[in-house]
Amino acid sequence: MILGGVRHRRLLVVLAGLLVPAACGQPVPAAVAAPPATVPAPTEAPAPSAAPQLPGGASVFVVVMENHSSAQALAQPYLARLAGTYALATNYHAVAHPSLPNYLALTSGSTFGIADDSYHLLPAGGLGGQLTDHGMTWRAYMEGVGPDCRIDQGRYAVKHDPFAYYGGSCPPNVVSFAPLDADLAGATPRFAWITPDLCHDGHDCSARTADDFLAGLVPRIMASPSWARGGVLFITWDEDDGSNGNHVATVVVSPQLLAHRSARPYDHYSLLATVEDLVGVPRLGAAARAQAIDDLV
């Protein structure tokens, strides 16, 4: 097929970027698609002046699970107990199918027009870059990640690691689960993102298996000084299984919370807005227009 001039040049730019790391002996993603050229990188907008912020020494934790509806997730014993003890968003929806655009929405305020799970070279930035620019400590704990976070390995899936897309490289903040317990016991980053592997997140295994994983992880987070000081844990699902209009469970766990529910309409942009408000940075992209989850924190 003969490519048009503009499209041809764009493809050559992408291929040239890929050949540089290959020539240096570094592996590159097997399937790469150019990002939509008309979608710019999300920009920052100020958060509302009355937005609540974390106390000093506290952290925000985000755990993202996979491919179950709100009803399926809340039918599991551990999550049901958390939701009954702390806070539950009963009208929370993912923003797209399949996985990747939801992860991008959660970390940049944009899907970049992407509607697949391919590896896309996106502009540098996103939530991780924003936190770095504002001097905030952060880590993304990726279960099973190998030396190159852009490469699928075992039960680690790049499509569930949004930080691997911004700028087309792996920031040093993306780590395996190996340092997680030590970080929880000591110098926990201000923002901690946690992606379980393809079984533990419920993508390839049952909702009960995912629930059992949460039953092992969440108490470790709740035992950390950074949670006890007023930290906030968000547990959400990237998308449903296609059975319930992308209605997913989102549970908020914090030391001072009393059991309550909110029926306000929320989505992944709402969660991003809430995270950014809590750590005190401007809002990215569509998060600027989103309703923060301020009645649950």
Protein backbone atom coordinates (compact mmCIF):
# COMPACT_ATOMS: atom_id res chain seq x y z
CA MET A 1 0.00 0.00 0.00
CA ILE A 2 1.31 3.46 -0.89
CA LEU A 3 1.12 5.88 2.01
CA GLY A 4 0.22 9.54 1.64
CA GLY A 5 2.99 12.05 2.22
CA VAL A 6 2.02 13.25 5.68
CA ARG A 7 1.12 9.80 6.91
CA HIS A 8 4.31 8.39 5.45
CA ARG A 9 6.48 10.99 7.16
CA ARG A 10 4.69 10.39 10.48
CA LEU A 11 5.37 6.67 10.23
CA LEU A 12 9.04 7.31 9.49
CA VAL A 13 9.33 9.51 12.57
CA VAL A 14 7.85 6.78 14.75
CA LEU A 15 10.08 4.10 13.23
CA ALA A 16 13.16 6.28 13.65
CA GLY A 17 12.39 6.68 17.34
CA LEU A 18 12.16 2.92 17.69
CA LEU A 19 15.38 2.18 15.84
CA VAL A 20 17.51 4.22 18.25
CA PRO A 21 16.94 2.00 21.31
CA ALA A 22 17.10 -1.11 19.14
CA ALA A 23 20.50 -0.09 17.85
CA CYS A 24 21.69 0.31 21.45
CA GLY A 25 20.74 -3.26 22.24
CA GLN A 26 17.56 -2.35 24.17
CA PRO A 27 14.34 -4.26 23.53
CA VAL A 28 11.40 -2.34 22.15
CA PRO A 29 7.66 -3.09 22.24
CA ALA A 30 6.61 -5.62 19.64
CA ALA A 31 3.57 -3.65 18.45
CA VAL A 32 3.69 0.13 18.27
CA ALA A 33 1.01 2.45 16.94
CA ALA A 34 1.45 6.19 16.47
CA PRO A 35 -0.77 8.32 18.71
CA PRO A 36 -3.53 10.38 17.10
CA ALA A 37 -1.63 13.39 15.80
CA THR A 38 -4.49 15.82 16.48
CA VAL A 39 -4.69 15.14 20.25
CA PRO A 40 -2.33 17.39 22.23
CA ALA A 41 -0.86 16.57 25.61
CA PRO A 42 -3.26 17.50 28.43
CA THR A 43 -2.57 20.82 30.11
CA GLU A 44 -2.83 21.81 33.78
CA ALA A 45 -5.63 23.85 35.31
CA PRO A 46 -5.80 25.11 38.89
CA ALA A 47 -7.70 23.01 41.41
CA PRO A 48 -10.58 24.64 43.33
CA SER A 49 -9.24 26.70 46.20
CA ALA A 50 -11.35 24.77 48.73
CA ALA A 51 -10.14 21.34 47.64
CA PRO A 52 -9.09 19.15 50.60
CA GLN A 53 -5.43 18.17 50.85
CA LEU A 54 -3.57 15.37 52.59
CA PRO A 55 -1.98 15.94 56.00
CA GLY A 56 1.80 15.96 56.11
CA GLY A 57 3.37 12.52 56.02
CA ALA A 58 0.24 10.92 54.52
CA SER A 59 0.00 9.22 51.12
CA VAL A 60 -2.53 8.58 48.39
CA PHE A 61 -2.73 4.98 47.21
CA VAL A 62 -4.50 3.88 44.01
CA VAL A 63 -5.06 0.18 43.27
CA VAL A 64 -6.53 -0.64 39.86
CA MET A 65 -8.27 -3.96 39.31
CA GLU A 66 -9.64 -5.44 36.10
CA ASN A 67 -12.73 -6.30 34.07
CA HIS A 68 -15.52 -6.85 36.58
CA SER A 69 -18.71 -4.92 37.09
CA SER A 70 -19.54 -3.21 40.35
CA ALA A 71 -21.99 -5.98 41.23
CA GLN A 72 -19.42 -8.71 40.56
CA ALA A 73 -16.72 -6.99 42.62
CA LEU A 74 -19.00 -6.16 45.54
CA ALA A 75 -20.28 -9.75 45.67
CA GLN A 76 -16.83 -10.76 46.95
CA PRO A 77 -16.44 -11.00 50.73
CA TYR A 78 -13.41 -8.81 51.38
CA LEU A 79 -14.39 -5.91 49.13
CA ALA A 80 -17.95 -6.05 50.47
CA ARG A 81 -16.57 -5.73 53.99
CA LEU A 82 -14.37 -2.76 53.03
CA ALA A 83 -17.28 -1.05 51.27
CA GLY A 84 -19.47 -1.55 54.32
CA THR A 85 -16.84 -0.17 56.68
CA TYR A 86 -15.54 2.80 54.69
CA ALA A 87 -16.88 4.66 51.61
CA LEU A 88 -18.36 3.44 48.34
CA ALA A 89 -19.10 5.33 45.12
CA THR A 90 -22.25 3.63 43.86
CA ASN A 91 -22.48 5.54 40.57
CA TYR A 92 -18.91 5.34 39.28
CA HIS A 93 -18.22 4.49 35.62
CA ALA A 94 -15.14 3.76 33.56
CA VAL A 95 -14.77 5.95 30.47
CA ALA A 96 -13.99 3.51 27.66
CA HIS A 97 -13.24 0.01 26.43
CA PRO A 98 -10.73 -1.67 26.32
CA SER A 99 -8.23 -1.27 29.17
CA LEU A 100 -5.61 1.19 27.94
CA PRO A 101 -7.73 4.33 27.42
CA ASN A 102 -9.06 3.96 30.97
CA TYR A 103 -5.54 3.83 32.40
CA LEU A 104 -4.59 6.90 30.38
CA ALA A 105 -7.68 8.76 31.60
CA LEU A 106 -6.74 7.91 35.19
CA THR A 107 -3.22 9.29 34.76
CA SER A 108 -3.48 12.15 32.28
CA GLY A 109 -7.08 13.31 31.98
CA SER A 110 -7.22 12.13 28.35
CA THR A 111 -7.62 8.95 26.34
CA PHE A 112 -5.69 10.58 23.45
CA GLY A 113 -8.42 9.20 21.18
CA ILE A 114 -7.01 5.69 21.67
CA ALA A 115 -9.45 2.79 21.44
CA ASP A 116 -7.12 -0.22 21.58
CA ASP A 117 -4.44 -1.80 23.78
CA SER A 118 -1.47 -1.27 21.46
CA TYR A 119 1.71 0.47 22.55
CA HIS A 120 1.41 4.16 21.64
CA LEU A 121 4.18 6.71 21.82
CA LEU A 122 2.55 9.50 23.82
CA PRO A 123 3.88 12.94 24.77
CA ALA A 124 5.98 13.04 27.92
CA GLY A 125 4.09 13.99 31.03
CA GLY A 126 1.02 12.44 32.58
CA LEU A 127 0.47 12.30 36.32
CA GLY A 128 3.93 10.88 37.01
CA GLY A 129 5.69 13.63 35.09
CA GLN A 130 3.48 16.21 36.75
CA LEU A 131 4.30 14.97 40.24
CA THR A 132 8.01 14.95 39.42
CA ASP A 133 7.82 18.50 38.08
CA HIS A 134 6.11 19.63 41.29
CA GLY A 135 8.67 17.93 43.52
CA MET A 136 6.33 15.18 44.74
CA THR A 137 7.61 11.69 45.51
CA TRP A 138 5.80 8.89 43.72
CA ARG A 139 6.14 5.28 42.71
CA ALA A 140 4.16 2.92 40.50
CA TYR A 141 4.40 -0.65 41.78
CA MET A 142 3.89 -3.10 38.91
CA GLU A 143 3.64 -6.75 39.86
CA GLY A 144 5.85 -8.90 37.64
CA VAL A 145 7.43 -6.07 35.63
CA GLY A 146 10.75 -6.93 34.01
CA PRO A 147 13.79 -4.78 33.19
CA ASP A 148 11.87 -2.87 30.48
CA CYS A 149 8.40 -1.76 31.53
CA ARG A 150 7.40 -1.43 27.84
CA ILE A 151 7.64 -5.19 27.33
CA ASP A 152 5.00 -7.73 28.35
CA GLN A 153 6.54 -10.36 30.60
CA GLY A 154 4.76 -13.30 32.19
CA ARG A 155 1.66 -11.92 33.89
CA TYR A 156 2.82 -8.30 33.58
CA ALA A 157 0.90 -6.44 30.85
CA VAL A 158 2.15 -3.10 29.52
CA LYS A 159 -1.43 -2.03 28.76
CA HIS A 160 -2.01 -1.90 32.53
CA ASP A 161 1.03 0.33 33.12
CA PRO A 162 0.15 3.79 31.81
CA PHE A 163 3.45 5.32 32.95
CA ALA A 164 5.26 3.30 30.26
CA TYR A 165 3.54 5.31 27.51
CA TYR A 166 4.34 8.92 28.37
CA GLY A 167 7.50 9.82 26.49
CA GLY A 168 7.97 6.22 25.36
CA SER A 169 10.32 5.30 28.20
CA CYS A 170 10.30 3.75 31.67
CA PRO A 171 10.68 6.29 34.46
CA PRO A 172 12.74 5.11 37.43
CA ASN A 173 9.63 5.50 39.58
CA VAL A 174 8.12 2.40 37.94
CA VAL A 175 9.22 -0.55 40.06
CA SER A 176 8.24 -4.12 40.84
CA PHE A 177 6.48 -5.20 44.03
CA ALA A 178 9.88 -5.97 45.60
CA PRO A 179 10.28 -2.63 47.48
CA LEU A 180 6.61 -2.24 48.38
CA ASP A 181 6.68 -3.58 51.94
CA ALA A 182 9.83 -1.67 52.84
CA ASP A 183 8.33 1.52 51.40
CA LEU A 184 5.13 1.01 53.36
CA ALA A 185 7.10 0.56 56.56
CA GLY A 186 9.37 3.54 55.95
CA ALA A 187 9.50 6.41 53.48
CA THR A 188 6.27 5.85 51.56
CA PRO A 189 5.99 8.09 48.50
CA ARG A 190 3.34 10.78 48.56
CA PHE A 191 1.56 8.99 45.69
CA ALA A 192 1.62 5.22 45.28
CA TRP A 193 0.04 3.48 42.30
CA ILE A 194 -0.35 -0.31 42.48
CA THR A 195 -1.05 -2.57 39.49
CA PRO A 196 -1.44 -6.29 40.27
CA ASP A 197 -0.54 -8.87 37.64
CA LEU A 198 -3.03 -10.33 35.15
CA CYS A 199 -4.25 -12.94 37.60
CA HIS A 200 -4.34 -10.94 40.81
CA ASP A 201 -6.20 -8.04 39.18
CA GLY A 202 -8.98 -10.37 38.00
CA HIS A 203 -8.23 -10.02 34.28
CA ASP A 204 -7.28 -13.66 33.73
CA CYS A 205 -8.53 -15.09 37.03
CA SER A 206 -11.76 -15.01 38.96
CA ALA A 207 -13.25 -12.15 40.92
CA ARG A 208 -12.68 -14.23 44.05
CA THR A 209 -8.97 -14.59 43.27
CA ALA A 210 -8.73 -10.81 42.86
CA ASP A 211 -10.61 -10.34 46.13
CA ASP A 212 -8.21 -12.68 47.92
CA PHE A 213 -5.32 -10.61 46.57
CA LEU A 214 -6.89 -7.43 47.95
CA ALA A 215 -7.39 -9.17 51.29
CA GLY A 216 -3.62 -9.65 51.42
CA LEU A 217 -2.62 -6.22 50.10
CA VAL A 218 -4.98 -3.77 51.75
CA PRO A 219 -4.13 -4.64 55.39
CA ARG A 220 -0.45 -3.99 54.57
CA ILE A 221 -1.35 -0.54 53.28
CA MET A 222 -3.55 0.14 56.31
CA ALA A 223 -0.70 -0.86 58.62
CA SER A 224 1.60 1.77 57.10
CA PRO A 225 2.34 5.02 58.96
CA SER A 226 1.55 6.99 55.80
CA TRP A 227 -2.02 5.63 55.74
CA ALA A 228 -2.50 6.01 59.50
CA ARG A 229 -1.56 9.71 59.31
CA GLY A 230 -4.63 10.43 57.20
CA GLY A 231 -3.74 8.67 53.97
CA VAL A 232 -6.38 7.71 51.42
CA LEU A 233 -6.65 4.43 49.52
CA PHE A 234 -8.73 4.22 46.34
CA ILE A 235 -9.60 0.80 44.89
CA THR A 236 -11.20 0.91 41.47
CA TRP A 237 -11.65 -1.18 38.32
CA ASP A 238 -10.41 -0.10 34.92
CA GLU A 239 -13.62 -1.24 33.16
CA ASP A 240 -16.42 -3.75 33.54
CA ASP A 241 -16.78 -6.95 31.54
CA GLY A 242 -19.18 -5.35 29.08
CA SER A 243 -22.26 -6.48 30.97
CA ASN A 244 -23.28 -3.39 32.92
CA GLY A 245 -22.66 -0.13 31.09
CA ASN A 246 -19.10 0.19 32.43
CA HIS A 247 -20.41 0.59 35.99
CA VAL A 248 -17.48 -0.34 38.26
CA ALA A 249 -16.87 -0.43 41.99
CA THR A 250 -14.77 2.27 43.62
CA VAL A 251 -14.07 2.05 47.35
CA VAL A 252 -12.34 4.74 49.42
CA VAL A 253 -10.49 3.70 52.58
CA SER A 254 -9.14 6.27 55.03
CA PRO A 255 -8.64 6.23 58.83
CA GLN A 256 -11.20 8.94 59.65
CA LEU A 257 -13.95 7.76 57.30
CA LEU A 258 -17.27 6.56 58.60
CA ALA A 259 -19.26 4.06 56.56
CA HIS A 260 -21.18 5.92 53.87
CA ARG A 261 -22.07 5.88 50.19
CA SER A 262 -22.36 8.43 47.42
CA ALA A 263 -24.67 8.20 44.41
CA ARG A 264 -23.06 11.16 42.65
CA PRO A 265 -21.94 10.35 39.09
CA TYR A 266 -18.18 9.84 39.08
CA ASP A 267 -15.68 8.48 36.57
CA HIS A 268 -11.94 8.07 36.12
CA TYR A 269 -11.48 11.79 35.55
CA SER A 270 -13.11 12.35 38.95
CA LEU A 271 -10.57 10.06 40.57
CA LEU A 272 -7.65 11.82 38.87
CA ALA A 273 -9.03 15.19 39.99
CA THR A 274 -9.32 13.92 43.56
CA VAL A 275 -5.78 12.55 43.63
CA GLU A 276 -4.36 15.79 42.25
CA ASP A 277 -6.36 17.88 44.74
CA LEU A 278 -5.19 15.75 47.66
CA VAL A 279 -1.50 16.06 46.82
CA GLY A 280 -1.83 19.73 45.90
CA VAL A 281 -1.04 19.86 42.19
CA PRO A 282 -3.11 21.35 39.33
CA ARG A 283 -5.58 19.18 37.46
CA LEU A 284 -4.70 17.61 34.12
CA GLY A 285 -6.92 17.51 31.04
CA ALA A 286 -10.54 16.49 31.61
CA ALA A 287 -9.93 16.26 35.36
CA ALA A 288 -10.17 20.07 35.39
CA ARG A 289 -13.89 19.79 34.56
CA ALA A 290 -14.61 16.70 36.63
CA GLN A 291 -16.46 16.50 39.93
CA ALA A 292 -13.95 15.46 42.57
CA ILE A 293 -14.92 12.63 44.90
CA ASP A 294 -14.97 15.09 47.77
CA ASP A 295 -17.96 13.60 49.60
CA LEU A 296 -16.09 10.33 50.15
CA VAL A 297 -12.72 11.62 51.43
